[in-house]
Amino acid sequence: MNGPAMLALQQLDSAIDHVEHRRQRLAERQMLASAQTALIDHRKQLELVLKRMDEAQAVIDQCEHDGDALTAKRASLEAKLKTIIAPREAEALMSEIDSVNARRDEVDERELEALEAQSEADDARVHLQERLAPLQVDVADAQAALAGAESALNDERDSFLAQRGVAADALTAEESAVYERMRATHHGVGIAKLDGLRCTGCHLDLSRAEVDEIRGLSDGELGECPQCSRLLVP
C-alpha cells in the first residue's frame, strides 16, 4: 500500500470537507438569513396594517350607507309628522324620530372611531413603507456578501480538487478501493498519520510497543490504530 499517497489524498479530501463545512457556517449566510427574516416580518406588519385600513374602510362605507338610510327615514318621518293632527300619532312619530336620531348618533360615533383607526393605520403604513426599501437593501447587500464569500470558497475548493486529481492518480485501483472503504467507514477520515505516539485520526496516544510494531512493518504494509481502527501512516 502506498501509505504516503493515500495520506496525501486523505489530507486533500479533509481540506475539501472543511471548505464545505465552512460554507454552511459562513457568517454571511447568517447575516442573509437575519436580513431576510427582518424583511419578511416587516412585510407581514405592513400586510396587517393594510388589512386594518381595509377593515376600517369597510366599517366607514357601512356607516355611510346606514347613515344615509337613517337620514332618509328621518326625513320621511318628519314629512309625515307635518301632516299629522292627532296628538297621539304625533307623539309616536316624534318618539320614532328620536329613536332614529339616537341610532344615527351611534352610527356617526362608530364611523368616527373607524376613521380614527384608519388614520392611525395609515400613519403606521407610511412609517413601514419608509423602512421597506432599507430592509430590501440590507437583503441585497447580504446576498452580495454571501456570493463573494462563497466565490472565495469555490476558488479554494477548486484548487484542492485539482490537486486531488493528481493525488488520486498516484493510487492503484486496489489502493483506491481500500481508501474509499476506509473513508466511508470512518466518517470521512480513514487514513491517519502516526505523529510521534499519537494517531491524528482519533488524537489518542498509542503505547510505545504499539508504535514500534507499526513502524516495524515492511514497506507496503499499513498498521491500524488500536483505538479507532484507522490505517496509520508512519
Protein backbone atom coordinates (compact mmCIF):
# COMPACT_ATOMS: atom_id res chain seq x y z
CA MET A 1 0.00 0.00 0.00
CA ASN A 2 1.27 3.47 -0.91
CA GLY A 3 0.68 4.97 2.50
CA PRO A 4 2.12 8.44 1.80
CA ALA A 5 -0.01 8.80 -1.36
CA MET A 6 -3.14 7.65 0.49
CA LEU A 7 -2.38 10.09 3.31
CA ALA A 8 -1.88 12.93 0.81
CA LEU A 9 -5.25 12.15 -0.75
CA GLN A 10 -6.86 11.99 2.68
CA GLN A 11 -5.48 15.39 3.61
CA LEU A 12 -6.87 16.90 0.43
CA ASP A 13 -10.28 15.31 0.96
CA SER A 14 -10.30 16.56 4.55
CA ALA A 15 -9.43 20.05 3.27
CA ILE A 16 -12.32 19.89 0.78
CA ASP A 17 -14.69 18.68 3.51
CA HIS A 18 -13.53 21.56 5.69
CA VAL A 19 -14.30 24.04 2.92
CA GLU A 20 -17.86 22.70 2.66
CA HIS A 21 -18.21 22.78 6.45
CA ARG A 22 -17.12 26.42 6.45
CA ARG A 23 -19.58 27.12 3.63
CA GLN A 24 -22.51 26.06 5.81
CA ARG A 25 -21.25 28.13 8.74
CA LEU A 26 -20.44 31.35 6.89
CA ALA A 27 -21.23 34.45 8.92
CA GLU A 28 -22.54 35.98 5.70
CA ARG A 29 -25.14 33.19 5.49
CA GLN A 30 -26.39 34.03 8.97
CA MET A 31 -26.45 37.72 8.09
CA LEU A 32 -28.55 36.98 5.00
CA ALA A 33 -30.95 34.81 6.98
CA SER A 34 -31.37 37.58 9.58
CA ALA A 35 -31.91 40.22 6.88
CA GLN A 36 -34.47 38.04 5.09
CA THR A 37 -36.30 37.33 8.36
CA ALA A 38 -36.43 41.03 9.18
CA LEU A 39 -37.82 41.80 5.71
CA ILE A 40 -40.44 39.03 5.93
CA ASP A 41 -41.55 40.20 9.39
CA HIS A 42 -41.71 43.78 8.14
CA ARG A 43 -43.87 42.81 5.17
CA LYS A 44 -46.19 40.88 7.49
CA GLN A 45 -46.59 44.00 9.62
CA LEU A 46 -47.34 46.03 6.52
CA GLU A 47 -49.93 43.47 5.41
CA LEU A 48 -51.62 43.64 8.81
CA VAL A 49 -51.72 47.44 8.67
CA LEU A 50 -53.21 47.39 5.18
CA LYS A 51 -55.77 44.84 6.37
CA ARG A 52 -56.70 47.14 9.27
CA MET A 53 -57.13 50.00 6.82
CA ASP A 54 -59.38 47.88 4.61
CA GLU A 55 -61.43 46.75 7.61
CA ALA A 56 -61.80 50.35 8.79
CA GLN A 57 -62.86 51.43 5.29
CA ALA A 58 -65.48 48.68 5.22
CA VAL A 59 -66.90 49.98 8.51
CA ILE A 60 -66.87 53.55 7.17
CA ASP A 61 -68.68 52.51 4.00
CA GLN A 62 -71.28 50.60 6.01
CA CYS A 63 -71.77 53.54 8.38
CA GLU A 64 -72.26 55.93 5.47
CA HIS A 65 -74.81 53.54 3.95
CA ASP A 66 -76.62 53.14 7.28
CA GLY A 67 -76.41 56.88 7.95
CA ASP A 68 -77.95 57.73 4.57
CA ALA A 69 -80.76 55.25 5.21
CA LEU A 70 -81.47 56.72 8.66
CA THR A 71 -81.36 60.26 7.30
CA ALA A 72 -83.87 59.32 4.60
CA LYS A 73 -86.08 57.63 7.17
CA ARG A 74 -85.95 60.65 9.46
CA ALA A 75 -86.85 62.94 6.58
CA SER A 76 -89.80 60.70 5.75
CA LEU A 77 -90.98 60.70 9.38
CA GLU A 78 -90.60 64.48 9.68
CA ALA A 79 -92.59 64.97 6.48
CA LYS A 80 -95.31 62.67 7.79
CA LEU A 81 -95.31 64.49 11.12
CA LYS A 82 -96.28 67.69 9.35
CA THR A 83 -99.47 66.05 8.13
CA ILE A 84 -100.49 64.53 11.47
CA ILE A 85 -103.05 66.30 13.60
CA ALA A 86 -103.82 63.73 16.25
CA PRO A 87 -101.58 64.29 19.32
CA ARG A 88 -101.03 60.58 19.95
CA GLU A 89 -99.90 59.90 16.40
CA ALA A 90 -97.66 62.97 16.52
CA GLU A 91 -96.14 61.80 19.80
CA ALA A 92 -95.48 58.34 18.37
CA LEU A 93 -93.81 59.81 15.31
CA MET A 94 -91.65 62.12 17.42
CA SER A 95 -90.60 59.15 19.57
CA GLU A 96 -89.66 57.24 16.42
CA ILE A 97 -87.72 60.24 15.13
CA ASP A 98 -85.84 60.41 18.44
CA SER A 99 -85.03 56.71 18.09
CA VAL A 100 -83.76 57.28 14.54
CA ASN A 101 -81.64 60.21 15.76
CA ALA A 102 -80.14 58.04 18.52
CA ARG A 103 -79.31 55.30 16.04
CA ARG A 104 -77.80 57.91 13.71
CA ASP A 105 -75.65 59.18 16.58
CA GLU A 106 -74.44 55.62 17.19
CA VAL A 107 -73.62 55.22 13.51
CA ASP A 108 -71.76 58.54 13.47
CA GLU A 109 -69.78 57.52 16.55
CA ARG A 110 -68.88 54.18 15.01
CA GLU A 111 -67.83 55.92 11.81
CA LEU A 112 -65.68 58.38 13.76
CA GLU A 113 -63.92 55.52 15.56
CA ALA A 114 -63.30 53.79 12.23
CA LEU A 115 -61.91 57.00 10.74
CA GLU A 116 -59.52 57.35 13.67
CA ALA A 117 -58.44 53.72 13.38
CA GLN A 118 -57.90 54.18 9.66
CA SER A 119 -55.82 57.31 10.26
CA GLU A 120 -53.64 55.52 12.81
CA ALA A 121 -53.20 52.57 10.46
CA ASP A 122 -52.30 54.92 7.61
CA ASP A 123 -49.62 56.59 9.76
CA ALA A 124 -48.22 53.14 10.53
CA ARG A 125 -48.34 52.27 6.82
CA VAL A 126 -46.32 55.36 5.91
CA HIS A 127 -43.69 54.53 8.54
CA LEU A 128 -43.47 50.89 7.45
CA GLN A 129 -43.19 51.76 3.77
CA GLU A 130 -40.37 54.18 4.57
CA ARG A 131 -38.48 51.31 6.26
CA LEU A 132 -39.18 48.81 3.47
CA ALA A 133 -36.56 50.00 0.98
CA PRO A 134 -33.65 50.00 3.51
CA LEU A 135 -34.56 46.45 4.56
CA GLN A 136 -34.58 45.37 0.91
CA VAL A 137 -31.14 46.95 0.51
CA ASP A 138 -29.93 45.01 3.57
CA VAL A 139 -31.04 41.76 1.93
CA ALA A 140 -29.37 42.66 -1.37
CA ASP A 141 -26.13 43.61 0.41
CA ALA A 142 -26.19 40.37 2.42
CA GLN A 143 -26.78 38.34 -0.76
CA ALA A 144 -23.82 40.04 -2.43
CA ALA A 145 -21.61 39.43 0.62
CA LEU A 146 -22.60 35.75 0.71
CA ALA A 147 -21.95 35.38 -3.02
CA GLY A 148 -18.49 36.89 -2.55
CA ALA A 149 -17.67 34.60 0.38
CA GLU A 150 -18.91 31.53 -1.48
CA SER A 151 -16.92 32.51 -4.57
CA ALA A 152 -13.75 32.60 -2.47
CA LEU A 153 -14.57 29.17 -1.06
CA ASN A 154 -15.26 27.86 -4.55
CA ASP A 155 -11.82 29.00 -5.66
CA GLU A 156 -10.27 27.29 -2.64
CA ARG A 157 -12.25 24.09 -3.26
CA ASP A 158 -11.36 24.06 -6.97
CA SER A 159 -7.68 24.36 -6.10
CA PHE A 160 -7.93 21.37 -3.76
CA LEU A 161 -9.91 19.40 -6.36
CA ALA A 162 -7.21 19.96 -8.95
CA GLN A 163 -4.59 18.69 -6.50
CA ARG A 164 -6.85 15.78 -5.59
CA GLY A 165 -6.95 14.60 -9.17
CA VAL A 166 -3.16 14.35 -9.20
CA ALA A 167 -3.08 12.61 -5.80
CA ALA A 168 -5.77 10.11 -6.78
CA ASP A 169 -3.85 9.17 -9.92
CA ALA A 170 -0.95 8.06 -7.71
CA LEU A 171 -3.04 5.21 -6.28
CA THR A 172 -3.70 1.84 -7.82
CA ALA A 173 -7.26 0.61 -8.26
CA GLU A 174 -6.83 -1.63 -5.20
CA GLU A 175 -5.46 1.22 -3.10
CA SER A 176 -8.30 3.50 -4.22
CA ALA A 177 -10.86 0.88 -3.20
CA VAL A 178 -9.24 0.49 0.24
CA TYR A 179 -9.05 4.25 0.62
CA GLU A 180 -12.72 4.81 -0.24
CA ARG A 181 -13.84 1.96 2.02
CA MET A 182 -11.87 3.30 4.99
CA ARG A 183 -13.06 6.83 4.35
CA ALA A 184 -16.70 5.70 4.26
CA THR A 185 -16.29 3.59 7.39
CA HIS A 186 -14.65 6.32 9.46
CA HIS A 187 -16.84 9.32 8.63
CA GLY A 188 -14.54 10.81 6.01
CA VAL A 189 -11.17 10.19 7.68
CA GLY A 190 -9.95 6.64 7.13
CA ILE A 191 -6.21 7.32 6.81
CA ALA A 192 -4.31 8.99 9.64
CA LYS A 193 -0.71 9.90 10.35
CA LEU A 194 1.23 8.46 13.23
CA ASP A 195 2.61 11.62 14.79
CA GLY A 196 5.02 10.53 17.45
CA LEU A 197 2.88 8.34 19.68
CA ARG A 198 -0.39 9.96 18.60
CA CYS A 199 -2.94 8.95 15.96
CA THR A 200 -4.07 12.09 14.14
CA GLY A 201 -7.40 10.39 13.41
CA CYS A 202 -8.67 9.91 16.96
CA HIS A 203 -5.99 12.07 18.68
CA LEU A 204 -5.21 9.35 21.20
CA ASP A 205 -1.75 8.09 22.13
CA LEU A 206 -0.56 4.59 21.35
CA SER A 207 1.79 2.67 23.60
CA ARG A 208 5.46 2.58 22.70
CA ALA A 209 5.15 -1.12 21.85
CA GLU A 210 2.21 -0.44 19.50
CA VAL A 211 4.15 2.30 17.77
CA ASP A 212 7.23 0.12 17.38
CA GLU A 213 5.10 -2.65 15.90
CA ILE A 214 3.60 -0.27 13.29
CA ARG A 215 6.95 1.25 12.44
CA GLY A 216 8.41 -2.22 12.09
CA LEU A 217 6.00 -3.26 9.32
CA SER A 218 7.53 -3.92 5.93
CA ASP A 219 7.13 -1.47 3.06
CA GLY A 220 3.65 -1.60 1.60
CA GLU A 221 2.02 -2.62 4.89
CA LEU A 222 -0.02 -0.22 6.98
CA GLY A 223 -0.93 -0.76 10.60
CA GLU A 224 -4.23 0.11 12.24
CA CYS A 225 -4.75 2.39 15.18
CA PRO A 226 -5.78 0.14 18.10
CA GLN A 227 -8.10 2.89 19.31
CA CYS A 228 -10.07 3.84 16.16
CA SER A 229 -9.03 1.21 13.56
CA ARG A 230 -7.92 3.81 11.03
CA LEU A 231 -4.94 2.97 8.84
CA LEU A 232 -1.82 4.67 10.17
CA VAL A 233 0.97 6.07 8.03
CA PRO A 234 4.26 6.40 9.99
